[in-house]
């Protein structure tokens, strides 16, 4: 089949960036914005999405539906689309591109297939294509050729075979390192701050771990606005590991760190508004203040 119209649910930072680049490559991009935030509506408008008045009309018009949302909304989005498929009789191709475990993606596949749809298991690695290199869409399942038509149109599509779970699996393993490492850094810096050893630790890092210190100094303060999105992702990674006999404890702990970040004052900012130059020490201090407040409340 030829892909002329792509539906994206929903146009957040990644979804709007992907949609904008697809539009620049002569793909008609549609979405459904009922109940969405003003920020999401603005992102969709800036990326020139067409807003469909109903989910049914979206399903009827789309050659391909890309679900790009937070993990804990993935099943809800799939269920809404499946209901629209039943109502319209349209057996659309549905690609779940969310950070969910292979177990979760198989559950979503069942919902889509039961409604007559065709399913693709996907995982996105990389940032929005409007800010740099094209993100990699790792996909698996019988219908990956449909998503592959978007390759080179602002994204890079990498098929991983017919087995559902491979696309989501590689995302789980990759994010276990990238987002997991950030939470380990926050945890150790918060511990050092609580022990009044920050200056001494930073001095040692400058001497023996300059690359790690550079990473901490450049990335941590950008995390709070997105932290709420990554709590569920860490639990999905933990579930993936546990299913395979690997300890889930690392990423259960990582979820706790993202919970704390989501409660800092800086989490109220949008990713567009956040201060990219805020010192890492400010973010760590906010985390320590929360830890001390929670400890006092527990006494």
Protein backbone atom coordinates (compact mmCIF):
# COMPACT_ATOMS: atom_id res chain seq x y z
CA UNK A 1 0.00 0.00 0.00
CA UNK A 2 1.02 3.63 -0.44
CA UNK A 3 1.01 5.88 2.59
CA UNK A 4 -0.41 9.31 1.82
CA UNK A 5 -2.11 10.17 5.14
CA UNK A 6 -0.59 9.51 8.57
CA UNK A 7 -2.45 10.02 11.84
CA UNK A 8 -0.37 10.86 14.92
CA UNK A 9 -1.78 10.37 18.41
CA UNK A 10 -0.72 12.58 19.99
CA UNK A 11 1.34 15.57 18.85
CA UNK A 12 3.56 16.17 21.85
CA UNK A 13 7.22 17.06 21.46
CA UNK A 14 8.19 13.93 19.51
CA UNK A 15 4.88 13.46 17.73
CA UNK A 16 4.68 17.04 16.51
CA UNK A 17 8.29 16.95 15.32
CA UNK A 18 7.74 13.71 13.42
CA UNK A 19 4.53 15.05 11.92
CA UNK A 20 6.14 18.31 10.86
CA UNK A 21 8.91 16.46 9.01
CA UNK A 22 6.43 14.10 7.36
CA UNK A 23 4.47 17.13 6.21
CA UNK A 24 7.61 18.61 4.73
CA UNK A 25 7.87 15.39 2.72
CA UNK A 26 4.35 15.70 1.27
CA UNK A 27 2.62 13.39 3.75
CA UNK A 28 -0.81 14.55 4.91
CA UNK A 29 -0.69 14.51 8.73
CA UNK A 30 -3.87 14.35 10.79
CA UNK A 31 -4.70 14.03 14.48
CA UNK A 32 -7.59 14.17 16.97
CA UNK A 33 -7.30 16.90 19.60
CA UNK A 34 -10.51 16.63 21.59
CA UNK A 35 -9.64 16.91 25.29
CA UNK A 36 -5.99 17.73 24.61
CA UNK A 37 -4.07 20.53 26.35
CA UNK A 38 -3.46 23.99 24.92
CA UNK A 39 0.22 23.10 24.55
CA UNK A 40 -0.61 20.02 22.48
CA UNK A 41 -2.98 22.03 20.31
CA UNK A 42 -0.31 24.68 19.77
CA UNK A 43 2.31 22.06 18.85
CA UNK A 44 -0.10 20.47 16.39
CA UNK A 45 -0.93 23.83 14.87
CA UNK A 46 2.71 24.82 14.51
CA UNK A 47 3.39 21.49 12.78
CA UNK A 48 0.42 22.00 10.39
CA UNK A 49 -1.58 18.95 11.48
CA UNK A 50 -5.19 18.67 10.37
CA UNK A 51 -7.47 18.13 13.37
CA UNK A 52 -10.21 15.57 12.72
CA UNK A 53 -13.60 16.23 14.33
CA UNK A 54 -14.03 12.57 15.33
CA UNK A 55 -11.83 9.54 15.92
CA UNK A 56 -13.94 7.66 13.40
CA UNK A 57 -13.09 10.12 10.65
CA UNK A 58 -9.41 9.89 11.59
CA UNK A 59 -9.47 6.11 11.26
CA UNK A 60 -11.28 6.31 7.93
CA UNK A 61 -8.79 8.76 6.43
CA UNK A 62 -5.49 7.40 7.80
CA UNK A 63 -3.34 4.97 5.83
CA UNK A 64 -1.20 4.58 8.96
CA UNK A 65 -1.77 5.51 12.61
CA UNK A 66 1.26 6.24 14.80
CA UNK A 67 0.65 6.16 18.56
CA UNK A 68 3.30 8.37 20.17
CA UNK A 69 2.29 9.08 23.75
CA UNK A 70 3.28 8.36 27.35
CA UNK A 71 3.36 4.66 28.31
CA UNK A 72 0.44 4.77 30.71
CA UNK A 73 -1.79 6.18 27.93
CA UNK A 74 -0.78 3.64 25.27
CA UNK A 75 -3.55 1.16 26.00
CA UNK A 76 -6.20 3.88 26.29
CA UNK A 77 -5.25 5.31 22.89
CA UNK A 78 -5.29 1.85 21.31
CA UNK A 79 -8.69 1.08 22.82
CA UNK A 80 -10.17 4.33 21.49
CA UNK A 81 -8.79 3.61 18.03
CA UNK A 82 -10.04 0.01 18.16
CA UNK A 83 -13.54 1.22 19.02
CA UNK A 84 -13.42 3.58 16.04
CA UNK A 85 -12.24 0.72 13.80
CA UNK A 86 -15.24 -1.37 14.81
CA UNK A 87 -17.61 1.53 14.24
CA UNK A 88 -16.24 2.36 10.79
CA UNK A 89 -15.20 -1.10 9.60
CA UNK A 90 -11.77 0.29 8.65
CA UNK A 91 -8.87 -2.13 9.28
CA UNK A 92 -6.19 0.53 9.63
CA UNK A 93 -2.48 -0.14 10.20
CA UNK A 94 -1.71 0.84 13.79
CA UNK A 95 1.88 1.28 14.97
CA UNK A 96 2.40 1.57 18.72
CA UNK A 97 5.62 3.56 19.03
CA UNK A 98 5.56 3.99 22.79
CA UNK A 99 8.07 3.08 25.48
CA UNK A 100 6.30 -0.07 26.66
CA UNK A 101 7.45 -3.59 27.46
CA UNK A 102 7.12 -6.47 25.00
CA UNK A 103 4.42 -7.88 27.28
CA UNK A 104 2.43 -4.62 27.10
CA UNK A 105 2.79 -4.32 23.33
CA UNK A 106 1.36 -7.84 22.89
CA UNK A 107 -1.65 -6.81 24.97
CA UNK A 108 -2.12 -3.73 22.78
CA UNK A 109 -1.73 -5.87 19.66
CA UNK A 110 -4.61 -8.07 20.84
CA UNK A 111 -6.87 -5.02 21.23
CA UNK A 112 -6.09 -3.77 17.72
CA UNK A 113 -6.35 -7.21 16.08
CA UNK A 114 -9.65 -7.94 17.81
CA UNK A 115 -11.01 -4.82 16.13
CA UNK A 116 -9.79 -5.99 12.73
CA UNK A 117 -6.74 -3.75 12.60
CA UNK A 118 -3.19 -4.53 11.54
CA UNK A 119 -0.50 -4.02 14.14
CA UNK A 120 3.13 -2.86 14.17
CA UNK A 121 5.28 -2.96 17.31
CA UNK A 122 7.60 0.04 17.46
CA UNK A 123 10.14 1.79 19.62
CA UNK A 124 11.61 5.26 19.02
CA UNK A 125 15.24 6.04 19.83
CA UNK A 126 16.50 9.60 19.45
CA UNK A 127 15.06 13.08 19.77
CA UNK A 128 12.60 15.10 17.74
CA UNK A 129 13.71 15.32 14.09
CA UNK A 130 13.25 19.10 14.18
CA UNK A 131 16.23 19.38 16.56
CA UNK A 132 18.84 17.21 14.88
CA UNK A 133 19.36 13.73 13.50
CA UNK A 134 16.30 11.71 12.45
CA UNK A 135 14.97 9.48 15.25
CA UNK A 136 15.20 5.75 14.64
CA UNK A 137 11.88 3.91 14.51
CA UNK A 138 12.60 0.26 15.28
CA UNK A 139 9.60 -1.78 14.14
CA UNK A 140 8.57 -5.42 14.12
CA UNK A 141 5.55 -7.43 12.98
CA UNK A 142 3.98 -8.54 9.73
CA UNK A 143 3.13 -5.02 8.55
CA UNK A 144 6.43 -3.16 9.03
CA UNK A 145 6.61 -2.47 5.29
CA UNK A 146 3.87 0.13 5.75
CA UNK A 147 5.88 2.10 8.31
CA UNK A 148 9.01 1.61 6.18
CA UNK A 149 7.44 3.86 3.54
CA UNK A 150 8.22 6.77 5.88
CA UNK A 151 11.94 6.00 5.93
CA UNK A 152 13.97 9.04 4.91
CA UNK A 153 11.04 11.41 5.43
CA UNK A 154 12.34 12.91 8.65
CA UNK A 155 12.69 9.55 10.39
CA UNK A 156 14.81 6.44 9.93
CA UNK A 157 12.82 3.19 9.95
CA UNK A 158 14.64 0.01 11.01
CA UNK A 159 12.64 -3.23 10.60
CA UNK A 160 13.45 -6.02 13.07
CA UNK A 161 11.48 -8.90 11.59
CA UNK A 162 8.00 -10.33 12.04
CA UNK A 163 8.07 -11.05 15.79
CA UNK A 164 6.00 -8.66 17.90
CA UNK A 165 8.03 -7.49 20.90
CA UNK A 166 11.33 -6.81 19.17
CA UNK A 167 10.59 -3.17 18.38
CA UNK A 168 9.53 -2.40 21.94
CA UNK A 169 12.27 -4.63 23.37
CA UNK A 170 15.15 -2.66 21.87
CA UNK A 171 13.64 0.57 23.21
CA UNK A 172 13.44 -0.92 26.70
CA UNK A 173 17.09 -1.99 26.64
CA UNK A 174 18.29 1.32 25.23
CA UNK A 175 16.31 3.55 27.61
CA UNK A 176 17.42 1.37 30.52
CA UNK A 177 20.87 2.86 29.94
CA UNK A 178 20.11 6.42 28.90
CA UNK A 179 17.29 7.40 31.23
CA UNK A 180 18.47 4.97 33.91
CA UNK A 181 21.94 6.51 33.99
CA UNK A 182 20.48 9.97 34.55
CA UNK A 183 18.61 8.79 37.64
CA UNK A 184 21.76 7.14 39.08
CA UNK A 185 23.58 10.44 38.64
CA UNK A 186 20.79 12.34 40.40
CA UNK A 187 20.70 9.83 43.25
CA UNK A 188 24.44 10.00 43.94
CA UNK A 189 24.53 13.80 43.69
CA UNK A 190 21.58 14.06 46.06
CA UNK A 191 23.33 11.74 48.51
CA UNK A 192 26.53 13.81 48.31
CA UNK A 193 24.54 17.02 48.87
CA UNK A 194 22.84 15.49 51.91
CA UNK A 195 26.26 14.47 53.28
CA UNK A 196 27.68 17.97 52.61
CA UNK A 197 30.23 16.41 50.25
CA UNK A 198 29.20 17.98 46.94
CA UNK A 199 32.28 20.16 46.44
CA UNK A 200 34.64 17.34 47.31
CA UNK A 201 32.87 14.86 45.03
CA UNK A 202 32.79 17.29 42.11
CA UNK A 203 36.51 17.91 42.56
CA UNK A 204 37.17 14.18 42.39
CA UNK A 205 34.99 13.84 39.31
CA UNK A 206 36.89 16.69 37.66
CA UNK A 207 40.08 14.75 38.25
CA UNK A 208 39.04 11.16 37.51
CA UNK A 209 35.63 11.25 35.72
CA UNK A 210 35.56 14.42 33.57
CA UNK A 211 33.32 12.92 30.87
CA UNK A 212 30.74 11.76 33.43
CA UNK A 213 30.82 15.18 35.11
CA UNK A 214 30.27 16.89 31.77
CA UNK A 215 27.25 14.70 31.12
CA UNK A 216 25.77 15.45 34.55
CA UNK A 217 26.39 19.17 34.19
CA UNK A 218 24.72 19.34 30.79
CA UNK A 219 21.68 17.12 31.11
CA UNK A 220 20.12 16.85 34.56
CA UNK A 221 18.46 20.26 34.70
CA UNK A 222 16.56 19.53 31.48
CA UNK A 223 14.80 16.52 32.99
CA UNK A 224 12.07 17.86 35.36
CA UNK A 225 9.54 19.01 32.70
CA UNK A 226 9.50 15.50 31.20
CA UNK A 227 9.98 13.52 34.40
CA UNK A 228 6.28 12.66 34.72
CA UNK A 229 6.45 10.98 31.30
CA UNK A 230 9.30 8.72 32.31
CA UNK A 231 7.94 7.28 35.55
CA UNK A 232 5.78 4.83 33.62
CA UNK A 233 8.62 4.12 31.20
CA UNK A 234 10.86 3.01 34.07
CA UNK A 235 8.17 0.64 35.31
CA UNK A 236 7.83 -0.79 31.81
CA UNK A 237 11.59 -1.40 31.72
CA UNK A 238 11.43 -3.00 35.16
CA UNK A 239 8.62 -5.29 33.97
CA UNK A 240 10.63 -6.21 30.88
CA UNK A 241 13.64 -7.15 32.97
CA UNK A 242 11.61 -9.07 35.55
CA UNK A 243 9.90 -11.09 32.81
CA UNK A 244 13.36 -12.12 31.59
CA UNK A 245 14.65 -13.04 35.04
CA UNK A 246 16.72 -9.85 35.39
CA UNK A 247 16.26 -7.78 38.54
CA UNK A 248 13.65 -5.03 38.13
CA UNK A 249 15.01 -3.11 41.11
CA UNK A 250 17.29 -0.78 39.14
CA UNK A 251 14.45 0.80 37.23
CA UNK A 252 11.92 0.67 40.02
CA UNK A 253 14.42 2.94 41.78
CA UNK A 254 14.75 5.03 38.64
CA UNK A 255 10.98 5.54 38.63
CA UNK A 256 11.25 6.87 42.17
CA UNK A 257 13.85 9.43 41.11
CA UNK A 258 11.65 10.62 38.27
CA UNK A 259 8.76 10.87 40.73
CA UNK A 260 10.85 13.23 42.83
CA UNK A 261 11.88 15.28 39.81
CA UNK A 262 8.22 15.57 38.78
CA UNK A 263 7.48 17.16 42.16
CA UNK A 264 10.16 19.86 41.97
CA UNK A 265 9.13 23.44 41.10
CA UNK A 266 10.95 23.09 37.77
CA UNK A 267 8.56 20.34 36.64
CA UNK A 268 5.84 22.98 36.21
CA UNK A 269 7.74 24.39 33.24
CA UNK A 270 7.08 23.12 29.74
CA UNK A 271 10.05 21.67 27.83
CA UNK A 272 9.98 24.80 25.67
CA UNK A 273 10.09 27.13 28.70
CA UNK A 274 12.69 25.30 30.80
CA UNK A 275 15.94 27.07 31.58
CA UNK A 276 18.58 25.09 29.69
CA UNK A 277 21.32 26.93 31.60
CA UNK A 278 19.99 26.23 35.10
CA UNK A 279 22.83 24.87 37.27
CA UNK A 280 22.61 21.17 38.05
CA UNK A 281 23.04 22.10 41.71
CA UNK A 282 19.63 23.85 41.70
CA UNK A 283 17.87 20.69 40.55
CA UNK A 284 19.74 18.52 43.04
CA UNK A 285 18.94 20.92 45.86
CA UNK A 286 15.25 20.74 44.97
CA UNK A 287 15.39 16.92 45.09
CA UNK A 288 17.16 16.96 48.47
CA UNK A 289 14.58 19.39 49.86
CA UNK A 290 11.83 16.97 48.83
CA UNK A 291 13.62 14.02 50.39
CA UNK A 292 14.05 15.88 53.65
CA UNK A 293 10.44 17.03 53.61
CA UNK A 294 9.17 13.49 53.02
CA UNK A 295 11.46 12.13 55.75
CA UNK A 296 10.18 14.70 58.22
CA UNK A 297 6.57 13.92 57.36
CA UNK A 298 7.23 10.21 57.93
CA UNK A 299 8.62 10.78 61.46
